[in-house]
Amino acid sequence: MIIRIMGQGQYKVPSSLFDELNAIDNRIVDHVTKGDEKAYKQDLAALISKVKQNGKILAAEELVESDVIVPPEDLTFTEAKDVFTGTGIFED
């Protein structure tokens, strides 16, 4: 699975990690829905960290379509309301 973190490149992440990343994504949607900005920021940072720790960064010149695009860690809470809706960024 290829995941792009906006502004930080693409990572090849084992597909076995999908369920864990999807669970974090679902929590982020819940935080945004409930208006919990602090929990949103913590889980977005956790999501990005999990991708970086478990993924292998792809070379910048390697052009591969991303399966998932993760917004940058500095995405504002207001902007998150447009991104983290419904099922979130990870499709079940």
PDB file of N, CA and C in Angstrom:
ATOM      1  N   MET A   1       0.858  -1.162   0.000  1.00  0.00           N
ATOM      2  CA  MET A   1       0.000   0.000   0.000  1.00  0.00           C
ATOM      3  C   MET A   1       0.910   1.232   0.000  1.00  0.00           C
ATOM      4  N   ILE A   2       0.589   2.187  -0.867  1.00  0.00           N
ATOM      5  CA  ILE A   2       1.374   3.419  -0.975  1.00  0.00           C
ATOM      6  C   ILE A   2       0.585   4.553  -0.320  1.00  0.00           C
ATOM      7  N   ILE A   3       1.206   5.208   0.647  1.00  0.00           N
ATOM      8  CA  ILE A   3       0.580   6.311   1.361  1.00  0.00           C
ATOM      9  C   ILE A   3       1.431   7.560   1.189  1.00  0.00           C
ATOM     10  N   ARG A   4       0.786   8.622   0.726  1.00  0.00           N
ATOM     11  CA  ARG A   4       1.469   9.921   0.612  1.00  0.00           C
ATOM     12  C   ARG A   4       1.099  10.762   1.826  1.00  0.00           C
ATOM     13  N   ILE A   5       2.116  11.285   2.473  1.00  0.00           N
ATOM     14  CA  ILE A   5       1.903  12.282   3.515  1.00  0.00           C
ATOM     15  C   ILE A   5       2.201  13.618   2.849  1.00  0.00           C
ATOM     16  N   MET A   6       1.204  14.447   2.735  1.00  0.00           N
ATOM     17  CA  MET A   6       1.380  15.700   1.999  1.00  0.00           C
ATOM     18  C   MET A   6       2.562  16.490   2.546  1.00  0.00           C
ATOM     19  N   GLY A   7       3.457  16.852   1.639  1.00  0.00           N
ATOM     20  CA  GLY A   7       4.627  17.636   2.005  1.00  0.00           C
ATOM     21  C   GLY A   7       5.779  16.814   2.556  1.00  0.00           C
ATOM     22  N   GLN A   8       5.588  15.480   2.683  1.00  0.00           N
ATOM     23  CA  GLN A   8       6.643  14.649   3.260  1.00  0.00           C
ATOM     24  C   GLN A   8       6.981  13.414   2.432  1.00  0.00           C
ATOM     25  N   GLY A   9       6.329  13.243   1.305  1.00  0.00           N
ATOM     26  CA  GLY A   9       6.661  12.137   0.424  1.00  0.00           C
ATOM     27  C   GLY A   9       5.728  10.945   0.540  1.00  0.00           C
ATOM     28  N   GLN A  10       6.140   9.880  -0.188  1.00  0.00           N
ATOM     29  CA  GLN A  10       5.351   8.655  -0.238  1.00  0.00           C
ATOM     30  C   GLN A  10       6.056   7.539   0.527  1.00  0.00           C
ATOM     31  N   TYR A  11       5.249   6.681   1.136  1.00  0.00           N
ATOM     32  CA  TYR A  11       5.763   5.547   1.909  1.00  0.00           C
ATOM     33  C   TYR A  11       5.083   4.276   1.456  1.00  0.00           C
ATOM     34  N   LYS A  12       5.886   3.232   1.310  1.00  0.00           N
ATOM     35  CA  LYS A  12       5.329   1.900   1.040  1.00  0.00           C
ATOM     36  C   LYS A  12       5.105   1.253   2.400  1.00  0.00           C
ATOM     37  N   VAL A  13       3.848   0.980   2.705  1.00  0.00           N
ATOM     38  CA  VAL A  13       3.448   0.477   4.019  1.00  0.00           C
ATOM     39  C   VAL A  13       2.841  -0.907   3.840  1.00  0.00           C
ATOM     40  N   PRO A  14       3.171  -1.861   4.720  1.00  0.00           N
ATOM     41  CA  PRO A  14       2.579  -3.194   4.600  1.00  0.00           C
ATOM     42  C   PRO A  14       1.048  -3.132   4.682  1.00  0.00           C
ATOM     43  N   SER A  15       0.388  -3.872   3.815  1.00  0.00           N
ATOM     44  CA  SER A  15      -1.081  -3.909   3.813  1.00  0.00           C
ATOM     45  C   SER A  15      -1.637  -4.417   5.138  1.00  0.00           C
ATOM     46  N   SER A  16      -0.841  -5.185   5.850  1.00  0.00           N
ATOM     47  CA  SER A  16      -1.282  -5.721   7.142  1.00  0.00           C
ATOM     48  C   SER A  16      -1.537  -4.608   8.166  1.00  0.00           C
ATOM     49  N   LEU A  17      -1.047  -3.419   7.890  1.00  0.00           N
ATOM     50  CA  LEU A  17      -1.220  -2.285   8.793  1.00  0.00           C
ATOM     51  C   LEU A  17      -2.519  -1.521   8.526  1.00  0.00           C
ATOM     52  N   PHE A  18      -3.212  -1.890   7.443  1.00  0.00           N
ATOM     53  CA  PHE A  18      -4.409  -1.156   7.031  1.00  0.00           C
ATOM     54  C   PHE A  18      -5.433  -1.030   8.157  1.00  0.00           C
ATOM     55  N   ASP A  19      -5.760  -2.124   8.828  1.00  0.00           N
ATOM     56  CA  ASP A  19      -6.806  -2.086   9.858  1.00  0.00           C
ATOM     57  C   ASP A  19      -6.449  -1.133  10.995  1.00  0.00           C
ATOM     58  N   GLU A  20      -5.188  -1.128  11.391  1.00  0.00           N
ATOM     59  CA  GLU A  20      -4.756  -0.240  12.468  1.00  0.00           C
ATOM     60  C   GLU A  20      -4.826   1.229  12.038  1.00  0.00           C
ATOM     61  N   LEU A  21      -4.367   1.508  10.819  1.00  0.00           N
ATOM     62  CA  LEU A  21      -4.420   2.882  10.306  1.00  0.00           C
ATOM     63  C   LEU A  21      -5.870   3.323  10.117  1.00  0.00           C
ATOM     64  N   ASN A  22      -6.711   2.414   9.645  1.00  0.00           N
ATOM     65  CA  ASN A  22      -8.123   2.726   9.449  1.00  0.00           C
ATOM     66  C   ASN A  22      -8.806   3.028  10.786  1.00  0.00           C
ATOM     67  N   ALA A  23      -8.424   2.314  11.837  1.00  0.00           N
ATOM     68  CA  ALA A  23      -8.996   2.555  13.167  1.00  0.00           C
ATOM     69  C   ALA A  23      -8.629   3.962  13.657  1.00  0.00           C
ATOM     70  N   ILE A  24      -7.374   4.367  13.437  1.00  0.00           N
ATOM     71  CA  ILE A  24      -6.953   5.723  13.825  1.00  0.00           C
ATOM     72  C   ILE A  24      -7.730   6.747  13.006  1.00  0.00           C
ATOM     73  N   ASP A  25      -7.859   6.498  11.709  1.00  0.00           N
ATOM     74  CA  ASP A  25      -8.610   7.373  10.817  1.00  0.00           C
ATOM     75  C   ASP A  25     -10.054   7.523  11.303  1.00  0.00           C
ATOM     76  N   ASN A  26     -10.679   6.426  11.685  1.00  0.00           N
ATOM     77  CA  ASN A  26     -12.059   6.470  12.171  1.00  0.00           C
ATOM     78  C   ASN A  26     -12.167   7.284  13.462  1.00  0.00           C
ATOM     79  N   ARG A  27     -11.156   7.172  14.327  1.00  0.00           N
ATOM     80  CA  ARG A  27     -11.150   7.978  15.555  1.00  0.00           C
ATOM     81  C   ARG A  27     -11.042   9.466  15.220  1.00  0.00           C
ATOM     82  N   ILE A  28     -10.208   9.785  14.221  1.00  0.00           N
ATOM     83  CA  ILE A  28     -10.055  11.184  13.810  1.00  0.00           C
ATOM     84  C   ILE A  28     -11.391  11.733  13.325  1.00  0.00           C
ATOM     85  N   VAL A  29     -12.107  10.964  12.501  1.00  0.00           N
ATOM     86  CA  VAL A  29     -13.429  11.393  12.023  1.00  0.00           C
ATOM     87  C   VAL A  29     -14.339  11.663  13.219  1.00  0.00           C
ATOM     88  N   ASP A  30     -14.304  10.778  14.209  1.00  0.00           N
ATOM     89  CA  ASP A  30     -15.130  10.931  15.408  1.00  0.00           C
ATOM     90  C   ASP A  30     -14.746  12.198  16.176  1.00  0.00           C
ATOM     91  N   HIS A  31     -13.443  12.446  16.327  1.00  0.00           N
ATOM     92  CA  HIS A  31     -12.983  13.655  17.031  1.00  0.00           C
ATOM     93  C   HIS A  31     -13.462  14.921  16.318  1.00  0.00           C
ATOM     94  N   VAL A  32     -13.337  14.924  14.993  1.00  0.00           N
ATOM     95  CA  VAL A  32     -13.746  16.094  14.215  1.00  0.00           C
ATOM     96  C   VAL A  32     -15.254  16.303  14.345  1.00  0.00           C
ATOM     97  N   THR A  33     -15.997  15.215  14.270  1.00  0.00           N
ATOM     98  CA  THR A  33     -17.459  15.293  14.392  1.00  0.00           C
ATOM     99  C   THR A  33     -17.869  15.850  15.750  1.00  0.00           C
ATOM    100  N   LYS A  34     -17.158  15.438  16.792  1.00  0.00           N
ATOM    101  CA  LYS A  34     -17.496  15.868  18.158  1.00  0.00           C
ATOM    102  C   LYS A  34     -16.874  17.215  18.533  1.00  0.00           C
ATOM    103  N   GLY A  35     -15.987  17.737  17.672  1.00  0.00           N
ATOM    104  CA  GLY A  35     -15.367  19.029  17.952  1.00  0.00           C
ATOM    105  C   GLY A  35     -14.195  18.955  18.917  1.00  0.00           C
ATOM    106  N   ASP A  36     -13.577  17.784  19.039  1.00  0.00           N
ATOM    107  CA  ASP A  36     -12.457  17.590  19.970  1.00  0.00           C
ATOM    108  C   ASP A  36     -11.128  17.826  19.248  1.00  0.00           C
ATOM    109  N   GLU A  37     -10.709  19.080  19.215  1.00  0.00           N
ATOM    110  CA  GLU A  37      -9.504  19.464  18.469  1.00  0.00           C
ATOM    111  C   GLU A  37      -8.239  18.841  19.048  1.00  0.00           C
ATOM    112  N   LYS A  38      -8.132  18.780  20.359  1.00  0.00           N
ATOM    113  CA  LYS A  38      -6.933  18.220  20.987  1.00  0.00           C
ATOM    114  C   LYS A  38      -6.756  16.744  20.602  1.00  0.00           C
ATOM    115  N   ALA A  39      -7.809  15.964  20.706  1.00  0.00           N
ATOM    116  CA  ALA A  39      -7.735  14.537  20.353  1.00  0.00           C
ATOM    117  C   ALA A  39      -7.477  14.367  18.856  1.00  0.00           C
ATOM    118  N   TYR A  40      -8.065  15.242  18.027  1.00  0.00           N
ATOM    119  CA  TYR A  40      -7.817  15.216  16.586  1.00  0.00           C
ATOM    120  C   TYR A  40      -6.323  15.369  16.305  1.00  0.00           C
ATOM    121  N   LYS A  41      -5.706  16.383  16.898  1.00  0.00           N
ATOM    122  CA  LYS A  41      -4.278  16.644  16.665  1.00  0.00           C
ATOM    123  C   LYS A  41      -3.418  15.468  17.128  1.00  0.00           C
ATOM    124  N   GLN A  42      -3.759  14.880  18.264  1.00  0.00           N
ATOM    125  CA  GLN A  42      -2.991  13.739  18.787  1.00  0.00           C
ATOM    126  C   GLN A  42      -3.086  12.540  17.849  1.00  0.00           C
ATOM    127  N   ASP A  43      -4.292  12.245  17.375  1.00  0.00           N
ATOM    128  CA  ASP A  43      -4.447  11.073  16.515  1.00  0.00           C
ATOM    129  C   ASP A  43      -3.905  11.305  15.106  1.00  0.00           C
ATOM    130  N   LEU A  44      -3.982  12.526  14.594  1.00  0.00           N
ATOM    131  CA  LEU A  44      -3.369  12.794  13.292  1.00  0.00           C
ATOM    132  C   LEU A  44      -1.858  12.606  13.394  1.00  0.00           C
ATOM    133  N   ALA A  45      -1.255  13.089  14.466  1.00  0.00           N
ATOM    134  CA  ALA A  45       0.185  12.893  14.685  1.00  0.00           C
ATOM    135  C   ALA A  45       0.505  11.412  14.819  1.00  0.00           C
ATOM    136  N   ALA A  46      -0.357  10.659  15.498  1.00  0.00           N
ATOM    137  CA  ALA A  46      -0.149   9.218  15.664  1.00  0.00           C
ATOM    138  C   ALA A  46      -0.244   8.495  14.322  1.00  0.00           C
ATOM    139  N   LEU A  47      -1.188   8.901  13.486  1.00  0.00           N
ATOM    140  CA  LEU A  47      -1.350   8.295  12.165  1.00  0.00           C
ATOM    141  C   LEU A  47      -0.101   8.515  11.312  1.00  0.00           C
ATOM    142  N   ILE A  48       0.365   9.745  11.280  1.00  0.00           N
ATOM    143  CA  ILE A  48       1.554  10.085  10.491  1.00  0.00           C
ATOM    144  C   ILE A  48       2.772   9.343  11.032  1.00  0.00           C
ATOM    145  N   SER A  49       2.915   9.298  12.322  1.00  0.00           N
ATOM    146  CA  SER A  49       4.035   8.601  12.949  1.00  0.00           C
ATOM    147  C   SER A  49       4.018   7.111  12.617  1.00  0.00           C
ATOM    148  N   LYS A  50       2.844   6.501  12.658  1.00  0.00           N
ATOM    149  CA  LYS A  50       2.702   5.069  12.372  1.00  0.00           C
ATOM    150  C   LYS A  50       3.119   4.766  10.929  1.00  0.00           C
ATOM    151  N   VAL A  51       2.731   5.630   9.997  1.00  0.00           N
ATOM    152  CA  VAL A  51       3.109   5.451   8.595  1.00  0.00           C
ATOM    153  C   VAL A  51       4.628   5.559   8.447  1.00  0.00           C
ATOM    154  N   LYS A  52       5.215   6.576   9.056  1.00  0.00           N
ATOM    155  CA  LYS A  52       6.659   6.784   8.944  1.00  0.00           C
ATOM    156  C   LYS A  52       7.458   5.655   9.600  1.00  0.00           C
ATOM    157  N   GLN A  53       6.999   5.176  10.754  1.00  0.00           N
ATOM    158  CA  GLN A  53       7.726   4.128  11.474  1.00  0.00           C
ATOM    159  C   GLN A  53       7.658   2.781  10.767  1.00  0.00           C
ATOM    160  N   ASN A  54       6.544   2.516  10.096  1.00  0.00           N
ATOM    161  CA  ASN A  54       6.338   1.198   9.498  1.00  0.00           C
ATOM    162  C   ASN A  54       6.493   1.168   7.987  1.00  0.00           C
ATOM    163  N   GLY A  55       6.637   2.344   7.391  1.00  0.00           N
ATOM    164  CA  GLY A  55       6.749   2.418   5.940  1.00  0.00           C
ATOM    165  C   GLY A  55       8.181   2.655   5.489  1.00  0.00           C
ATOM    166  N   LYS A  56       8.385   2.381   4.221  1.00  0.00           N
ATOM    167  CA  LYS A  56       9.676   2.628   3.587  1.00  0.00           C
ATOM    168  C   LYS A  56       9.461   3.798   2.636  1.00  0.00           C
ATOM    169  N   ILE A  57      10.209   4.884   2.852  1.00  0.00           N
ATOM    170  CA  ILE A  57      10.029   6.071   2.013  1.00  0.00           C
ATOM    171  C   ILE A  57      10.479   5.758   0.584  1.00  0.00           C
ATOM    172  N   LEU A  58       9.687   6.220  -0.372  1.00  0.00           N
ATOM    173  CA  LEU A  58      10.021   6.028  -1.780  1.00  0.00           C
ATOM    174  C   LEU A  58      10.845   7.215  -2.260  1.00  0.00           C
ATOM    175  N   ALA A  59      11.732   6.958  -3.185  1.00  0.00           N
ATOM    176  CA  ALA A  59      12.558   8.023  -3.753  1.00  0.00           C
ATOM    177  C   ALA A  59      11.653   9.035  -4.458  1.00  0.00           C
ATOM    178  N   ALA A  60      12.037  10.297  -4.400  1.00  0.00           N
ATOM    179  CA  ALA A  60      11.231  11.373  -4.984  1.00  0.00           C
ATOM    180  C   ALA A  60      10.996  11.164  -6.479  1.00  0.00           C
ATOM    181  N   GLU A  61      11.974  10.570  -7.158  1.00  0.00           N
ATOM    182  CA  GLU A  61      11.831  10.369  -8.603  1.00  0.00           C
ATOM    183  C   GLU A  61      10.988   9.134  -8.945  1.00  0.00           C
ATOM    184  N   GLU A  62      10.628   8.352  -7.945  1.00  0.00           N
ATOM    185  CA  GLU A  62       9.803   7.170  -8.170  1.00  0.00           C
ATOM    186  C   GLU A  62       8.332   7.598  -8.184  1.00  0.00           C
ATOM    187  N   LEU A  63       7.720   7.551  -9.372  1.00  0.00           N
ATOM    188  CA  LEU A  63       6.338   8.001  -9.514  1.00  0.00           C
ATOM    189  C   LEU A  63       5.394   6.810  -9.379  1.00  0.00           C
ATOM    190  N   VAL A  64       4.654   6.786  -8.292  1.00  0.00           N
ATOM    191  CA  VAL A  64       3.719   5.713  -8.004  1.00  0.00           C
ATOM    192  C   VAL A  64       2.424   6.351  -7.525  1.00  0.00           C
ATOM    193  N   GLU A  65       1.297   5.836  -8.001  1.00  0.00           N
ATOM    194  CA  GLU A  65       0.010   6.365  -7.549  1.00  0.00           C
ATOM    195  C   GLU A  65      -0.205   6.003  -6.087  1.00  0.00           C
ATOM    196  N   SER A  66      -0.642   6.971  -5.309  1.00  0.00           N
ATOM    197  CA  SER A  66      -0.895   6.755  -3.883  1.00  0.00           C
ATOM    198  C   SER A  66      -2.258   6.110  -3.679  1.00  0.00           C
ATOM    199  N   ASP A  67      -2.309   5.142  -2.758  1.00  0.00           N
ATOM    200  CA  ASP A  67      -3.582   4.529  -2.390  1.00  0.00           C
ATOM    201  C   ASP A  67      -4.341   5.423  -1.414  1.00  0.00           C
ATOM    202  N   VAL A  68      -3.594   6.125  -0.569  1.00  0.00           N
ATOM    203  CA  VAL A  68      -4.171   7.008   0.440  1.00  0.00           C
ATOM    204  C   VAL A  68      -3.310   8.259   0.530  1.00  0.00           C
ATOM    205  N   ILE A  69      -3.961   9.405   0.671  1.00  0.00           N
ATOM    206  CA  ILE A  69      -3.231  10.660   0.871  1.00  0.00           C
ATOM    207  C   ILE A  69      -3.583  11.177   2.257  1.00  0.00           C
ATOM    208  N   VAL A  70      -2.555  11.313   3.087  1.00  0.00           N
ATOM    209  CA  VAL A  70      -2.721  11.793   4.453  1.00  0.00           C
ATOM    210  C   VAL A  70      -2.371  13.280   4.474  1.00  0.00           C
ATOM    211  N   PRO A  71      -3.238  14.083   5.043  1.00  0.00           N
ATOM    212  CA  PRO A  71      -2.926  15.518   5.109  1.00  0.00           C
ATOM    213  C   PRO A  71      -1.740  15.779   6.027  1.00  0.00           C
ATOM    214  N   PRO A  72      -1.142  16.954   5.914  1.00  0.00           N
ATOM    215  CA  PRO A  72       0.004  17.277   6.772  1.00  0.00           C
ATOM    216  C   PRO A  72      -0.426  17.437   8.227  1.00  0.00           C
ATOM    217  N   GLU A  73       0.532  17.281   9.114  1.00  0.00           N
ATOM    218  CA  GLU A  73       0.254  17.360  10.551  1.00  0.00           C
ATOM    219  C   GLU A  73      -0.252  18.740  10.970  1.00  0.00           C
ATOM    220  N   ASP A  74       0.062  19.770  10.190  1.00  0.00           N
ATOM    221  CA  ASP A  74      -0.377  21.113  10.544  1.00  0.00           C
ATOM    222  C   ASP A  74      -1.738  21.480   9.939  1.00  0.00           C
ATOM    223  N   LEU A  75      -2.472  20.477   9.443  1.00  0.00           N
ATOM    224  CA  LEU A  75      -3.817  20.723   8.927  1.00  0.00           C
ATOM    225  C   LEU A  75      -4.671  21.300  10.049  1.00  0.00           C
ATOM    226  N   THR A  76      -5.291  22.427   9.799  1.00  0.00           N
ATOM    227  CA  THR A  76      -6.081  23.056  10.855  1.00  0.00           C
ATOM    228  C   THR A  76      -7.342  22.241  11.132  1.00  0.00           C
ATOM    229  N   PHE A  77      -7.899  22.454  12.291  1.00  0.00           N
ATOM    230  CA  PHE A  77      -9.123  21.749  12.676  1.00  0.00           C
ATOM    231  C   PHE A  77     -10.259  22.116  11.724  1.00  0.00           C
ATOM    232  N   THR A  78     -10.309  23.360  11.302  1.00  0.00           N
ATOM    233  CA  THR A  78     -11.336  23.797  10.346  1.00  0.00           C
ATOM    234  C   THR A  78     -11.173  23.058   9.022  1.00  0.00           C
ATOM    235  N   GLU A  79      -9.939  22.954   8.540  1.00  0.00           N
ATOM    236  CA  GLU A  79      -9.683  22.226   7.294  1.00  0.00           C
ATOM    237  C   GLU A  79     -10.005  20.740   7.454  1.00  0.00           C
ATOM    238  N   ALA A  80      -9.750  20.209   8.631  1.00  0.00           N
ATOM    239  CA  ALA A  80     -10.005  18.784   8.888  1.00  0.00           C
ATOM    240  C   ALA A  80     -11.475  18.438   8.726  1.00  0.00           C
ATOM    241  N   LYS A  81     -12.342  19.388   8.971  1.00  0.00           N
ATOM    242  CA  LYS A  81     -13.779  19.141   8.839  1.00  0.00           C
ATOM    243  C   LYS A  81     -14.165  18.820   7.398  1.00  0.00           C
ATOM    244  N   ASP A  82     -13.353  19.259   6.429  1.00  0.00           N
ATOM    245  CA  ASP A  82     -13.608  18.947   5.017  1.00  0.00           C
ATOM    246  C   ASP A  82     -12.945  17.644   4.583  1.00  0.00           C
ATOM    247  N   VAL A  83     -11.945  17.193   5.330  1.00  0.00           N
ATOM    248  CA  VAL A  83     -11.171  16.001   4.962  1.00  0.00           C
ATOM    249  C   VAL A  83     -11.673  14.760   5.670  1.00  0.00           C
ATOM    250  N   PHE A  84     -11.836  14.867   6.970  1.00  0.00           N
ATOM    251  CA  PHE A  84     -12.191  13.696   7.792  1.00  0.00           C
ATOM    252  C   PHE A  84     -13.700  13.642   7.998  1.00  0.00           C
ATOM    253  N   THR A  85     -14.382  13.181   6.961  1.00  0.00           N
ATOM    254  CA  THR A  85     -15.838  13.043   6.991  1.00  0.00           C
ATOM    255  C   THR A  85     -16.198  11.628   6.602  1.00  0.00           C
ATOM    256  N   GLY A  86     -17.403  11.212   6.878  1.00  0.00           N
ATOM    257  CA  GLY A  86     -17.880   9.886   6.461  1.00  0.00           C
ATOM    258  C   GLY A  86     -16.993   8.781   6.950  1.00  0.00           C
ATOM    259  N   THR A  87     -16.352   8.066   6.003  1.00  0.00           N
ATOM    260  CA  THR A  87     -15.476   6.958   6.362  1.00  0.00           C
ATOM    261  C   THR A  87     -14.032   7.406   6.539  1.00  0.00           C
ATOM    262  N   GLY A  88     -13.755   8.695   6.351  1.00  0.00           N
ATOM    263  CA  GLY A  88     -12.387   9.190   6.506  1.00  0.00           C
ATOM    264  C   GLY A  88     -11.572   9.014   5.237  1.00  0.00           C
ATOM    265  N   ILE A  89     -10.255   9.011   5.411  1.00  0.00           N
ATOM    266  CA  ILE A  89      -9.360   8.928   4.249  1.00  0.00           C
ATOM    267  C   ILE A  89      -9.028   7.488   3.872  1.00  0.00           C
ATOM    268  N   PHE A  90      -9.241   6.548   4.770  1.00  0.00           N
ATOM    269  CA  PHE A  90      -9.030   5.131   4.481  1.00  0.00           C
ATOM    270  C   PHE A  90     -10.394   4.523   4.169  1.00  0.00           C
ATOM    271  N   GLU A  91     -10.549   4.004   2.973  1.00  0.00           N
ATOM    272  CA  GLU A  91     -11.819   3.407   2.569  1.00  0.00           C
ATOM    273  C   GLU A  91     -11.835   1.939   3.006  1.00  0.00           C
ATOM    274  N   ASP A  92     -12.908   1.541   3.647  1.00  0.00           N
ATOM    275  CA  ASP A  92     -13.043   0.135   4.084  1.00  0.00           C
ATOM    276  C   ASP A  92     -13.219  -0.776   2.894  1.00  0.00           C
TER     277      ASP A  92
END
